[in-house]
């Protein structure tokens, strides 16, 4: 266990902050390792005298998500892999759609203990391994012990805090470094100093939180972020990790001082393979890939379904997003309408694609009369189905919530599953229970059922069908888009209508804005969301939407905080 003196030296206020809301907690934690004031001079990339745009309030101290913590520790300590310690961390409640939502990222008593334990384990692991320690310590440090300790603290501290240390912070950490031999008796003095410093850095609020204080006084009612704060915000959006050494150098050199420069750096970051992982994570959470696993299907009705198809369906969905976003430079329209798919032997059998396939995914084009975009793919269709029948209600709910951002009321407390009935088809059973003349008619009849019925041609594993219980499938309906009821014959036409609608594109833009800022959308975001949505509807790619977001005022500035 770590000697208690380390926590006493640098972290006296952590425990008093436990259980407090994120903003208040960070304010209390600010005193642990120095001021949370601006750490560099200069203006952020906002034009002087510009009228204040609509910028929503957000936390000045968003906490790293567990995934971000893992990636950051790997990159900070220059490890080969993520350490995996967060698997035993106190879990975060889901706040909104995405796991980076600041509203859910609190430091609870359990998580504080997790951070402390992880810091101790990592510091001991790195300093006990000559190779790992050699990677962490720059080769060009001075030889003289005092100068060597100071140089290490300055360089490592800048990477750990994602900005240069203040003089006070440097002196405090150097003093702790000197005490390493006392705290860890018997260890080589320099390694002992590094171990003491690592433990403290990894428990600091400046590491655990992404601090956004700004780069000086307010301009036009807003405070521009500093170059280092912008660098961190970019890296956690595009790489889900800390800024690279090159990005930190760019921030230090003032190379993120204009919108154009920020956009240019963002373009390069999107070309990095790490950006693909983040784009996958966005769509995985938005479109509920987790539901593709542990599906239960009636073996007698669906002998071609095997348990490992859940993994296959997620891999197909991820490969499809990669293809649309990075290979085709496309956006939501292509996600909703493209017939390109990636199948293996299991998936090909359900899609009805002829040919010889292995367990590897191969690119194919699906039948244009049967498939159109992500809503006609097996993952969505099989996940929104029971063991025997398609689940029209949950398919419709998904479209409303995740594709259109429609405001659905929560289901009533006494809501029940579909009862057995004498109706011949699945659609008739749903209509009898929730359609016209029932208590669910106002919501189901107008929003949920019409969207769900578009997918009646797909059975419980997503296989295309033309009959249901011997009766012809009826997938025709109408849904109001753009203020007008729009009729469609099936999921192909419905997907095309969605791809042409302002609602779907605004929803996609809103979700990206939430993901980029790590917070729920606000009424002040409405105008920008509509602007982004219309750009997407007009053909802008997903990558272009992201570049517009990161070069916008809401991304590059914050509103002044009220005094606590």
Protein backbone atom coordinates (compact mmCIF):
# COMPACT_ATOMS: atom_id res chain seq x y z
CA UNK A 1 0.00 0.00 0.00
CA UNK A 2 1.06 3.57 -0.61
CA UNK A 3 2.43 5.43 2.42
CA UNK A 4 -0.29 7.84 3.52
CA UNK A 5 2.08 10.78 3.21
CA UNK A 6 1.58 11.03 -0.55
CA UNK A 7 -2.13 11.64 -0.23
CA UNK A 8 -1.51 13.97 2.69
CA UNK A 9 0.98 15.98 0.66
CA UNK A 10 -1.04 16.48 -2.53
CA UNK A 11 -4.63 15.26 -2.15
CA UNK A 12 -6.09 16.58 1.12
CA UNK A 13 -9.46 17.59 -0.33
CA UNK A 14 -10.43 14.56 -2.40
CA UNK A 15 -12.35 12.83 0.34
CA UNK A 16 -14.31 15.95 1.21
CA UNK A 17 -15.49 16.10 -2.40
CA UNK A 18 -16.83 12.57 -2.56
CA UNK A 19 -20.42 12.29 -3.64
CA UNK A 20 -20.70 15.95 -4.63
CA UNK A 21 -21.99 16.96 -8.07
CA UNK A 22 -19.28 17.10 -10.70
CA UNK A 23 -18.98 20.87 -10.83
CA UNK A 24 -18.84 21.35 -7.08
CA UNK A 25 -16.50 18.40 -6.68
CA UNK A 26 -14.02 19.82 -9.15
CA UNK A 27 -14.07 23.19 -7.43
CA UNK A 28 -13.20 21.53 -4.14
CA UNK A 29 -10.56 19.34 -5.75
CA UNK A 30 -8.93 22.36 -7.38
CA UNK A 31 -6.87 23.06 -4.31
CA UNK A 32 -5.14 19.69 -4.31
CA UNK A 33 -2.32 20.49 -6.71
CA UNK A 34 -2.50 24.18 -7.37
CA UNK A 35 -4.85 26.73 -8.84
CA UNK A 36 -7.29 25.81 -11.57
CA UNK A 37 -6.82 29.21 -13.16
CA UNK A 38 -5.64 29.80 -16.72
CA UNK A 39 -2.24 28.21 -17.28
CA UNK A 40 -1.12 30.00 -20.40
CA UNK A 41 -1.35 33.42 -21.90
CA UNK A 42 -2.87 34.31 -25.23
CA UNK A 43 -6.27 34.36 -26.84
CA UNK A 44 -8.27 31.42 -28.06
CA UNK A 45 -9.60 31.22 -31.63
CA UNK A 46 -12.49 33.67 -31.32
CA UNK A 47 -12.60 36.92 -33.27
CA UNK A 48 -12.43 40.00 -31.04
CA UNK A 49 -15.65 41.92 -30.74
CA UNK A 50 -17.82 39.18 -32.21
CA UNK A 51 -21.40 39.08 -31.04
CA UNK A 52 -21.99 36.35 -28.50
CA UNK A 53 -23.57 33.32 -30.23
CA UNK A 54 -25.85 30.86 -28.52
CA UNK A 55 -23.54 28.73 -26.37
CA UNK A 56 -24.95 26.28 -23.84
CA UNK A 57 -23.48 25.97 -20.39
CA UNK A 58 -21.38 22.93 -19.67
CA UNK A 59 -19.13 21.69 -16.92
CA UNK A 60 -15.70 23.26 -16.67
CA UNK A 61 -14.48 19.99 -15.21
CA UNK A 62 -15.74 16.97 -17.19
CA UNK A 63 -14.35 13.75 -15.73
CA UNK A 64 -12.63 11.18 -17.92
CA UNK A 65 -14.87 8.25 -18.75
CA UNK A 66 -13.51 4.83 -17.87
CA UNK A 67 -12.59 4.21 -21.51
CA UNK A 68 -10.82 7.57 -21.69
CA UNK A 69 -8.98 6.82 -18.45
CA UNK A 70 -7.75 3.52 -19.88
CA UNK A 71 -6.56 5.06 -23.13
CA UNK A 72 -4.96 8.01 -21.37
CA UNK A 73 -3.02 5.83 -18.92
CA UNK A 74 -1.78 3.68 -21.80
CA UNK A 75 -0.58 6.70 -23.76
CA UNK A 76 0.72 8.67 -20.78
CA UNK A 77 2.81 5.78 -19.48
CA UNK A 78 3.70 4.68 -23.03
CA UNK A 79 2.39 1.16 -22.45
CA UNK A 80 1.73 -1.30 -25.24
CA UNK A 81 -1.87 -1.94 -24.20
CA UNK A 82 -4.62 -0.53 -22.03
CA UNK A 83 -3.96 -1.70 -18.46
CA UNK A 84 -7.51 -3.00 -18.03
CA UNK A 85 -7.81 -1.79 -14.43
CA UNK A 86 -11.04 0.10 -15.07
CA UNK A 87 -12.85 -3.22 -15.49
CA UNK A 88 -13.03 -3.32 -11.69
CA UNK A 89 -13.85 0.39 -11.25
CA UNK A 90 -17.15 1.48 -9.79
CA UNK A 91 -19.44 1.63 -12.82
CA UNK A 92 -20.98 4.86 -14.03
CA UNK A 93 -24.74 5.19 -14.54
CA UNK A 94 -25.66 5.84 -18.15
CA UNK A 95 -26.47 9.52 -18.62
CA UNK A 96 -28.20 10.02 -21.94
CA UNK A 97 -27.20 7.96 -24.97
CA UNK A 98 -23.41 8.10 -24.65
CA UNK A 99 -20.92 6.98 -22.01
CA UNK A 100 -19.08 10.33 -22.04
CA UNK A 101 -22.07 12.33 -20.78
CA UNK A 102 -20.75 14.60 -18.04
CA UNK A 103 -23.95 14.35 -16.01
CA UNK A 104 -23.16 10.75 -15.07
CA UNK A 105 -19.40 11.09 -14.57
CA UNK A 106 -19.12 11.67 -10.83
CA UNK A 107 -16.42 10.68 -8.37
CA UNK A 108 -18.11 8.48 -5.82
CA UNK A 109 -16.38 7.10 -2.71
CA UNK A 110 -15.92 3.78 -4.45
CA UNK A 111 -14.42 5.34 -7.57
CA UNK A 112 -12.04 7.47 -5.49
CA UNK A 113 -10.69 4.27 -3.92
CA UNK A 114 -10.43 2.71 -7.40
CA UNK A 115 -8.36 5.64 -8.67
CA UNK A 116 -6.04 5.45 -5.66
CA UNK A 117 -5.51 1.71 -6.00
CA UNK A 118 -4.93 1.97 -9.74
CA UNK A 119 -2.38 4.78 -9.28
CA UNK A 120 -0.45 2.67 -6.78
CA UNK A 121 -0.47 -0.41 -9.01
CA UNK A 122 0.56 1.47 -12.14
CA UNK A 123 3.36 3.40 -10.46
CA UNK A 124 4.77 0.23 -8.92
CA UNK A 125 4.49 -1.69 -12.20
CA UNK A 126 6.23 0.94 -14.32
CA UNK A 127 9.10 1.65 -11.94
CA UNK A 128 9.78 -2.04 -11.28
CA UNK A 129 10.26 -2.75 -14.98
CA UNK A 130 13.43 -1.35 -16.50
CA UNK A 131 12.00 -1.36 -20.02
CA UNK A 132 8.77 0.40 -19.03
CA UNK A 133 10.66 2.97 -16.98
CA UNK A 134 13.02 3.55 -19.88
CA UNK A 135 10.10 4.31 -22.22
CA UNK A 136 8.66 6.80 -19.75
CA UNK A 137 11.85 8.73 -18.96
CA UNK A 138 13.13 10.91 -21.83
CA UNK A 139 16.63 9.93 -22.94
CA UNK A 140 17.91 13.52 -22.98
CA UNK A 141 17.29 14.38 -19.32
CA UNK A 142 20.19 16.02 -17.44
CA UNK A 143 22.52 13.78 -15.44
CA UNK A 144 22.70 15.92 -12.29
CA UNK A 145 20.01 14.50 -9.90
CA UNK A 146 18.20 17.74 -9.02
CA UNK A 147 18.07 18.96 -12.61
CA UNK A 148 17.06 15.49 -13.76
CA UNK A 149 14.16 15.34 -11.31
CA UNK A 150 12.91 18.80 -12.30
CA UNK A 151 13.12 18.05 -16.03
CA UNK A 152 11.20 14.80 -15.57
CA UNK A 153 8.48 16.50 -13.52
CA UNK A 154 8.06 19.29 -16.07
CA UNK A 155 7.84 17.00 -19.07
CA UNK A 156 5.71 14.28 -17.53
CA UNK A 157 3.52 16.81 -15.76
CA UNK A 158 2.73 18.60 -19.02
CA UNK A 159 1.56 15.35 -20.53
CA UNK A 160 -0.38 14.24 -17.43
CA UNK A 161 -2.21 17.57 -17.03
CA UNK A 162 -2.42 18.22 -20.79
CA UNK A 163 -0.83 21.67 -20.25
CA UNK A 164 2.38 23.08 -18.71
CA UNK A 165 2.71 22.98 -14.95
CA UNK A 166 2.67 26.18 -12.97
CA UNK A 167 5.81 27.03 -11.02
CA UNK A 168 4.01 26.14 -7.80
CA UNK A 169 2.97 22.75 -9.14
CA UNK A 170 6.47 22.03 -10.43
CA UNK A 171 8.06 22.84 -7.07
CA UNK A 172 5.50 20.75 -5.17
CA UNK A 173 6.01 17.70 -7.33
CA UNK A 174 9.79 18.06 -7.31
CA UNK A 175 9.67 18.16 -3.50
CA UNK A 176 7.64 14.97 -3.52
CA UNK A 177 10.07 13.40 -6.00
CA UNK A 178 12.92 14.10 -3.54
CA UNK A 179 11.03 12.16 -0.87
CA UNK A 180 10.78 9.05 -3.02
CA UNK A 181 13.67 7.30 -1.30
CA UNK A 182 12.06 7.96 2.08
CA UNK A 183 8.65 6.75 0.95
CA UNK A 184 9.92 3.63 -0.84
CA UNK A 185 12.94 2.47 1.09
CA UNK A 186 15.38 0.22 -0.69
CA UNK A 187 14.46 1.33 -4.21
CA UNK A 188 16.86 3.10 -6.55
CA UNK A 189 16.48 6.85 -5.74
CA UNK A 190 15.43 8.05 -9.19
CA UNK A 191 12.93 5.20 -9.69
CA UNK A 192 11.55 5.83 -6.19
CA UNK A 193 11.07 9.49 -7.04
CA UNK A 194 9.30 8.62 -10.26
CA UNK A 195 7.05 6.19 -8.39
CA UNK A 196 6.02 8.82 -5.85
CA UNK A 197 5.36 11.37 -8.59
CA UNK A 198 3.34 8.95 -10.73
CA UNK A 199 1.05 8.05 -7.86
CA UNK A 200 0.34 11.70 -7.17
CA UNK A 201 -0.12 12.72 -10.81
CA UNK A 202 -2.53 9.86 -11.48
CA UNK A 203 -4.69 10.86 -8.51
CA UNK A 204 -4.71 14.57 -9.27
CA UNK A 205 -7.96 16.23 -10.35
CA UNK A 206 -5.98 17.78 -13.20
CA UNK A 207 -5.51 14.26 -14.55
CA UNK A 208 -8.92 12.81 -13.71
CA UNK A 209 -10.79 15.88 -15.00
CA UNK A 210 -10.42 17.77 -18.28
CA UNK A 211 -10.17 21.29 -16.93
CA UNK A 212 -11.57 24.08 -19.14
CA UNK A 213 -10.95 27.40 -17.44
CA UNK A 214 -10.28 29.39 -20.61
CA UNK A 215 -7.52 31.63 -21.92
CA UNK A 216 -8.27 34.94 -20.26
CA UNK A 217 -11.11 37.41 -19.88
CA UNK A 218 -14.44 37.07 -21.61
CA UNK A 219 -14.92 38.38 -25.15
CA UNK A 220 -18.40 39.15 -26.35
CA UNK A 221 -19.81 37.35 -23.33
CA UNK A 222 -17.71 34.20 -23.88
CA UNK A 223 -14.36 32.93 -22.63
CA UNK A 224 -12.19 31.40 -25.37
CA UNK A 225 -10.50 28.13 -24.48
CA UNK A 226 -6.73 27.98 -24.34
CA UNK A 227 -4.71 26.15 -26.96
CA UNK A 228 -4.02 23.29 -24.56
CA UNK A 229 -7.69 23.00 -23.64
CA UNK A 230 -8.63 22.86 -27.32
CA UNK A 231 -5.94 20.24 -27.94
CA UNK A 232 -7.37 18.08 -25.15
CA UNK A 233 -10.93 18.56 -26.36
CA UNK A 234 -9.94 17.52 -29.88
CA UNK A 235 -7.98 14.49 -28.73
CA UNK A 236 -10.71 13.18 -26.45
CA UNK A 237 -13.27 13.60 -29.22
CA UNK A 238 -11.29 12.04 -32.07
CA UNK A 239 -9.00 9.63 -30.20
CA UNK A 240 -10.75 9.18 -26.84
CA UNK A 241 -7.40 9.81 -25.21
CA UNK A 242 -4.88 12.49 -24.25
CA UNK A 243 -3.23 14.74 -26.84
CA UNK A 244 -0.19 13.37 -28.60
CA UNK A 245 3.21 14.98 -28.04
CA UNK A 246 2.85 16.68 -31.43
CA UNK A 247 -0.55 18.12 -30.54
CA UNK A 248 0.77 19.43 -27.22
CA UNK A 249 3.64 21.08 -29.06
CA UNK A 250 1.18 22.65 -31.49
CA UNK A 251 -0.79 24.05 -28.57
CA UNK A 252 2.36 25.40 -26.92
CA UNK A 253 3.42 27.04 -30.20
CA UNK A 254 0.07 28.79 -30.60
CA UNK A 255 -0.86 26.74 -33.65
CA UNK A 256 -4.46 26.26 -32.48
CA UNK A 257 -5.21 29.98 -32.30
CA UNK A 258 -7.65 30.22 -35.21
CA UNK A 259 -10.72 28.29 -36.31
CA UNK A 260 -8.97 27.41 -39.55
CA UNK A 261 -6.00 25.96 -37.68
CA UNK A 262 -8.25 23.92 -35.40
CA UNK A 263 -10.12 22.58 -38.41
CA UNK A 264 -6.87 21.68 -40.18
CA UNK A 265 -5.57 19.75 -37.18
CA UNK A 266 -8.95 18.03 -36.81
CA UNK A 267 -8.80 16.88 -40.44
CA UNK A 268 -5.46 15.22 -39.78
CA UNK A 269 -6.76 13.60 -36.60
CA UNK A 270 -9.71 12.12 -38.48
CA UNK A 271 -7.23 10.35 -40.77
CA UNK A 272 -5.73 8.55 -37.77
CA UNK A 273 -6.96 4.99 -37.22
CA UNK A 274 -7.92 5.94 -33.66
CA UNK A 275 -10.65 8.15 -35.09
CA UNK A 276 -12.27 5.09 -36.63
CA UNK A 277 -12.58 3.54 -33.20
CA UNK A 278 -14.33 6.65 -31.89
CA UNK A 279 -16.73 6.86 -34.85
CA UNK A 280 -17.53 3.19 -34.30
CA UNK A 281 -18.15 3.85 -30.60
CA UNK A 282 -20.55 6.69 -31.44
CA UNK A 283 -22.63 4.54 -33.77
CA UNK A 284 -22.36 1.48 -31.50
CA UNK A 285 -23.96 3.41 -28.65
CA UNK A 286 -26.43 5.34 -30.80
CA UNK A 287 -27.68 2.25 -32.61
CA UNK A 288 -27.52 -0.18 -29.66
CA UNK A 289 -25.12 -2.81 -30.99
CA UNK A 290 -24.96 -4.26 -27.48
CA UNK A 291 -28.45 -5.62 -28.04
CA UNK A 292 -27.17 -7.82 -30.87
CA UNK A 293 -25.72 -10.25 -28.35
CA UNK A 294 -27.36 -12.98 -26.26
CA UNK A 295 -30.37 -13.16 -28.56
CA UNK A 296 -32.79 -16.03 -28.05
CA UNK A 297 -34.40 -17.42 -31.20
CA UNK A 298 -36.63 -20.44 -31.69
CA UNK A 299 -34.34 -23.12 -33.15
CA UNK A 300 -37.19 -24.95 -34.78
CA UNK A 301 -38.26 -21.85 -36.73
CA UNK A 302 -34.78 -20.43 -37.34
CA UNK A 303 -32.24 -23.27 -37.62
CA UNK A 304 -29.79 -20.97 -39.42
CA UNK A 305 -29.45 -18.73 -36.37
CA UNK A 306 -26.46 -19.53 -34.13
CA UNK A 307 -25.34 -17.66 -30.99
CA UNK A 308 -22.12 -16.32 -32.53
CA UNK A 309 -24.18 -14.35 -35.06
CA UNK A 310 -24.42 -11.53 -32.50
CA UNK A 311 -20.71 -10.90 -32.90
CA UNK A 312 -21.04 -11.24 -36.67
CA UNK A 313 -23.83 -8.66 -36.78
CA UNK A 314 -21.85 -6.18 -34.73
CA UNK A 315 -18.77 -6.64 -36.91
CA UNK A 316 -20.93 -6.12 -40.00
CA UNK A 317 -22.41 -2.92 -38.54
CA UNK A 318 -18.98 -1.56 -37.64
CA UNK A 319 -17.55 -2.42 -41.04
CA UNK A 320 -20.54 -0.78 -42.72
CA UNK A 321 -19.99 2.46 -40.79
CA UNK A 322 -16.27 2.42 -41.68
CA UNK A 323 -17.17 1.98 -45.32
CA UNK A 324 -19.70 4.82 -45.39
CA UNK A 325 -17.84 7.36 -43.24
CA UNK A 326 -14.20 6.77 -44.14
CA UNK A 327 -14.11 4.99 -47.49
CA UNK A 328 -17.07 6.62 -49.21
CA UNK A 329 -16.84 9.96 -47.32
CA UNK A 330 -20.59 9.68 -46.81
CA UNK A 331 -23.06 10.52 -44.10
CA UNK A 332 -26.52 9.74 -42.82
CA UNK A 333 -28.10 9.47 -46.28
CA UNK A 334 -25.74 6.65 -47.18
CA UNK A 335 -26.16 5.00 -43.78
CA UNK A 336 -29.91 4.84 -44.42
CA UNK A 337 -29.86 3.85 -48.09
CA UNK A 338 -26.64 2.05 -49.06
CA UNK A 339 -27.01 -1.58 -50.13
CA UNK A 340 -23.33 -2.36 -49.53
CA UNK A 341 -22.96 -4.97 -46.82
CA UNK A 342 -20.22 -7.11 -45.29
CA UNK A 343 -21.18 -10.73 -44.77
CA UNK A 344 -19.69 -14.06 -43.76
CA UNK A 345 -21.16 -17.53 -44.13
CA UNK A 346 -23.65 -17.06 -41.29
CA UNK A 347 -24.91 -13.66 -42.42
CA UNK A 348 -24.99 -14.55 -46.12
CA UNK A 349 -27.35 -17.45 -45.40
CA UNK A 350 -29.88 -15.12 -43.75
CA UNK A 351 -29.50 -12.34 -46.31
CA UNK A 352 -29.95 -14.87 -49.11
CA UNK A 353 -26.66 -13.93 -50.75
CA UNK A 354 -25.35 -16.71 -52.97
CA UNK A 355 -21.69 -17.68 -53.08
CA UNK A 356 -18.98 -19.34 -51.05
CA UNK A 357 -18.22 -17.52 -47.81
CA UNK A 358 -16.00 -18.18 -44.81
CA UNK A 359 -16.04 -16.70 -41.32
CA UNK A 360 -14.36 -13.55 -42.70
CA UNK A 361 -16.50 -10.60 -43.78
CA UNK A 362 -16.70 -9.96 -47.52
CA UNK A 363 -18.20 -6.92 -49.24
CA UNK A 364 -21.38 -7.56 -51.23
CA UNK A 365 -24.33 -5.64 -52.64
CA UNK A 366 -27.71 -6.66 -51.26
CA UNK A 367 -30.91 -6.99 -53.28
CA UNK A 368 -32.29 -3.51 -53.91
CA UNK A 369 -35.84 -4.82 -53.55
CA UNK A 370 -35.13 -6.13 -50.04
CA UNK A 371 -32.49 -3.99 -48.34
CA UNK A 372 -31.70 -0.32 -47.88
CA UNK A 373 -29.27 0.90 -45.25
CA UNK A 374 -28.84 0.16 -41.57
CA UNK A 375 -32.54 -0.26 -40.75
CA UNK A 376 -32.78 -3.31 -43.00
CA UNK A 377 -29.67 -5.02 -41.60
CA UNK A 378 -29.80 -8.13 -39.47
CA UNK A 379 -28.46 -6.59 -36.28
CA UNK A 380 -31.26 -4.06 -35.84
CA UNK A 381 -33.97 -6.42 -37.05
CA UNK A 382 -32.96 -9.43 -34.96
CA UNK A 383 -32.37 -7.36 -31.82
CA UNK A 384 -35.82 -5.81 -32.13
CA UNK A 385 -37.67 -9.11 -32.28
CA UNK A 386 -38.82 -11.88 -29.98
CA UNK A 387 -37.78 -15.51 -30.20
CA UNK A 388 -40.50 -16.15 -32.80
CA UNK A 389 -41.86 -12.86 -34.17
CA UNK A 390 -40.66 -9.42 -35.27
CA UNK A 391 -41.16 -6.79 -32.58
CA UNK A 392 -42.91 -4.04 -34.51
CA UNK A 393 -43.36 -1.86 -31.43
CA UNK A 394 -39.70 -1.78 -30.42
CA UNK A 395 -38.62 -1.35 -34.03
CA UNK A 396 -40.89 1.67 -34.20
CA UNK A 397 -39.68 3.03 -30.88
CA UNK A 398 -36.07 2.74 -32.07
CA UNK A 399 -36.76 4.69 -35.25
CA UNK A 400 -38.55 7.42 -33.32
CA UNK A 401 -35.92 7.80 -30.60
CA UNK A 402 -32.63 7.04 -32.34
CA UNK A 403 -33.29 8.09 -35.95
CA UNK A 404 -35.76 10.96 -35.54
CA UNK A 405 -35.21 12.15 -31.93
CA UNK A 406 -38.99 12.17 -31.52
CA UNK A 407 -40.34 12.92 -28.07
CA UNK A 408 -42.09 9.74 -26.99
CA UNK A 409 -43.77 9.59 -23.60
CA UNK A 410 -42.64 6.74 -21.33
CA UNK A 411 -44.79 3.61 -21.49
CA UNK A 412 -47.49 3.35 -18.84
CA UNK A 413 -46.68 1.40 -15.70
CA UNK A 414 -49.26 -1.24 -16.60
CA UNK A 415 -47.97 -1.78 -20.14
CA UNK A 416 -47.91 -5.45 -21.10
CA UNK A 417 -46.44 -7.51 -23.90
CA UNK A 418 -48.62 -8.54 -26.80
CA UNK A 419 -51.15 -11.14 -25.68
CA UNK A 420 -51.89 -14.19 -27.82
CA UNK A 421 -54.78 -13.65 -30.16
CA UNK A 422 -56.68 -15.05 -33.08
CA UNK A 423 -55.21 -12.58 -35.58
CA UNK A 424 -53.37 -14.18 -38.46
CA UNK A 425 -50.42 -11.83 -38.80
CA UNK A 426 -48.01 -10.08 -36.48
CA UNK A 427 -49.24 -6.69 -37.69
CA UNK A 428 -52.85 -7.57 -36.93
CA UNK A 429 -51.91 -8.63 -33.40
CA UNK A 430 -50.08 -5.33 -32.79
CA UNK A 431 -52.95 -3.28 -34.17
CA UNK A 432 -55.50 -5.16 -32.06
CA UNK A 433 -53.54 -4.42 -28.90
CA UNK A 434 -52.30 -0.86 -29.56
CA UNK A 435 -54.02 0.47 -32.68
CA UNK A 436 -57.17 2.48 -33.28
CA UNK A 437 -59.76 2.14 -30.59
CA UNK A 438 -57.24 1.12 -27.91
CA UNK A 439 -55.70 3.15 -25.09
CA UNK A 440 -52.38 3.25 -26.98
CA UNK A 441 -53.82 4.69 -30.18
CA UNK A 442 -52.61 8.27 -29.68
CA UNK A 443 -48.96 7.34 -29.42
CA UNK A 444 -48.69 3.95 -31.08
CA UNK A 445 -51.14 4.71 -33.85
CA UNK A 446 -49.40 7.92 -34.93
CA UNK A 447 -45.69 7.42 -34.16
CA UNK A 448 -44.64 3.95 -33.06
CA UNK A 449 -46.72 1.52 -35.10
CA UNK A 450 -46.41 3.23 -38.50
CA UNK A 451 -42.61 3.29 -38.14
CA UNK A 452 -42.50 -0.32 -36.94
CA UNK A 453 -44.87 -1.71 -39.56
CA UNK A 454 -42.47 -0.64 -42.32
CA UNK A 455 -40.33 -3.65 -41.31
CA UNK A 456 -42.99 -6.38 -41.45
CA UNK A 457 -41.12 -7.98 -44.35
CA UNK A 458 -38.37 -9.07 -41.92
CA UNK A 459 -38.85 -11.94 -39.53
CA UNK A 460 -37.39 -12.46 -36.05
CA UNK A 461 -33.83 -12.93 -37.34
CA UNK A 462 -34.10 -10.30 -40.07
CA UNK A 463 -34.71 -12.66 -42.97
CA UNK A 464 -36.85 -11.24 -45.78
CA UNK A 465 -40.34 -12.69 -46.10
CA UNK A 466 -43.36 -12.10 -48.28
CA UNK A 467 -45.93 -13.95 -46.16
CA UNK A 468 -46.73 -14.09 -42.45
CA UNK A 469 -48.64 -17.14 -41.25
CA UNK A 470 -49.73 -17.77 -44.79
CA UNK A 471 -51.00 -14.23 -45.36
CA UNK A 472 -49.36 -11.59 -47.58
CA UNK A 473 -47.15 -9.21 -45.59
CA UNK A 474 -48.49 -5.66 -45.33
CA UNK A 475 -45.71 -3.14 -44.60
CA UNK A 476 -47.40 -0.04 -46.04
CA UNK A 477 -48.21 2.93 -43.83
CA UNK A 478 -47.64 6.67 -43.44
CA UNK A 479 -45.55 8.78 -41.09
CA UNK A 480 -45.53 12.56 -40.74
CA UNK A 481 -42.27 14.11 -41.92
CA UNK A 482 -41.79 17.77 -42.68
CA UNK A 483 -45.28 18.46 -41.38
CA UNK A 484 -46.90 16.21 -43.97
CA UNK A 485 -47.94 12.55 -43.83
CA UNK A 486 -45.63 10.59 -46.13
CA UNK A 487 -46.80 7.22 -47.42
CA UNK A 488 -44.54 4.25 -48.13
CA UNK A 489 -44.97 0.69 -49.23
CA UNK A 490 -42.15 -0.90 -47.27
CA UNK A 491 -38.87 -0.35 -45.43
CA UNK A 492 -37.05 0.52 -48.64
CA UNK A 493 -39.32 3.48 -49.33
CA UNK A 494 -39.48 4.41 -45.64
CA UNK A 495 -35.69 4.49 -45.37
CA UNK A 496 -35.54 6.73 -48.43
CA UNK A 497 -38.09 9.11 -46.90
CA UNK A 498 -36.10 9.21 -43.68
CA UNK A 499 -32.93 9.95 -45.66
CA UNK A 500 -34.69 12.91 -47.30
CA UNK A 501 -36.18 14.28 -44.09
CA UNK A 502 -35.00 17.27 -42.06
CA UNK A 503 -35.94 15.42 -38.88
CA UNK A 504 -33.54 12.51 -39.38
CA UNK A 505 -30.60 14.71 -40.34
CA UNK A 506 -31.21 17.12 -37.46
CA UNK A 507 -31.35 14.15 -35.09
CA UNK A 508 -28.06 12.75 -36.39
CA UNK A 509 -26.44 16.19 -36.02
CA UNK A 510 -27.84 16.61 -32.52
CA UNK A 511 -26.43 13.26 -31.44
CA UNK A 512 -23.00 14.16 -32.78
CA UNK A 513 -23.13 17.48 -30.96
CA UNK A 514 -24.00 15.68 -27.72
CA UNK A 515 -21.15 13.24 -28.23
CA UNK A 516 -18.65 15.97 -29.10
CA UNK A 517 -19.52 18.08 -26.04
CA UNK A 518 -20.17 15.21 -23.66
CA UNK A 519 -23.53 16.61 -22.55
CA UNK A 520 -27.20 16.59 -23.48
CA UNK A 521 -28.39 18.97 -26.18
CA UNK A 522 -29.69 22.31 -24.94
CA UNK A 523 -32.24 24.75 -26.32
CA UNK A 524 -29.32 27.05 -27.18
CA UNK A 525 -28.01 24.35 -29.53
CA UNK A 526 -31.18 24.35 -31.62
CA UNK A 527 -30.12 26.81 -34.33
CA UNK A 528 -26.72 25.16 -34.81
CA UNK A 529 -28.28 21.69 -34.86
CA UNK A 530 -30.72 22.80 -37.57
CA UNK A 531 -27.84 24.29 -39.55
CA UNK A 532 -25.83 21.07 -39.29
CA UNK A 533 -28.90 18.99 -40.13
CA UNK A 534 -29.60 20.93 -43.30
CA UNK A 535 -25.95 20.58 -44.30
CA UNK A 536 -26.19 16.83 -43.76
CA UNK A 537 -29.41 16.67 -45.72
CA UNK A 538 -27.72 18.59 -48.51
CA UNK A 539 -24.95 16.02 -48.78
CA UNK A 540 -22.37 16.92 -46.14
CA UNK A 541 -20.52 13.90 -44.86
CA UNK A 542 -20.22 12.73 -41.28
CA UNK A 543 -16.61 13.93 -41.27
CA UNK A 544 -17.69 17.37 -42.49
CA UNK A 545 -20.25 17.60 -39.68
CA UNK A 546 -17.52 16.85 -37.17
CA UNK A 547 -15.22 19.49 -38.65
CA UNK A 548 -18.03 22.04 -38.46
CA UNK A 549 -18.64 21.18 -34.81
CA UNK A 550 -15.00 21.44 -33.70
CA UNK A 551 -14.48 24.77 -35.48
CA UNK A 552 -17.65 26.27 -34.01
CA UNK A 553 -17.85 28.78 -31.18
CA UNK A 554 -19.62 26.38 -28.77
CA UNK A 555 -16.67 23.98 -29.08
CA UNK A 556 -13.97 26.64 -28.76
CA UNK A 557 -15.39 28.76 -25.95
CA UNK A 558 -17.48 28.57 -22.83
CA UNK A 559 -19.83 30.86 -20.99
CA UNK A 560 -18.42 32.51 -17.84
CA UNK A 561 -19.05 30.49 -14.71
CA UNK A 562 -21.12 31.95 -11.96
CA UNK A 563 -19.41 32.33 -8.61
CA UNK A 564 -20.10 29.30 -6.40
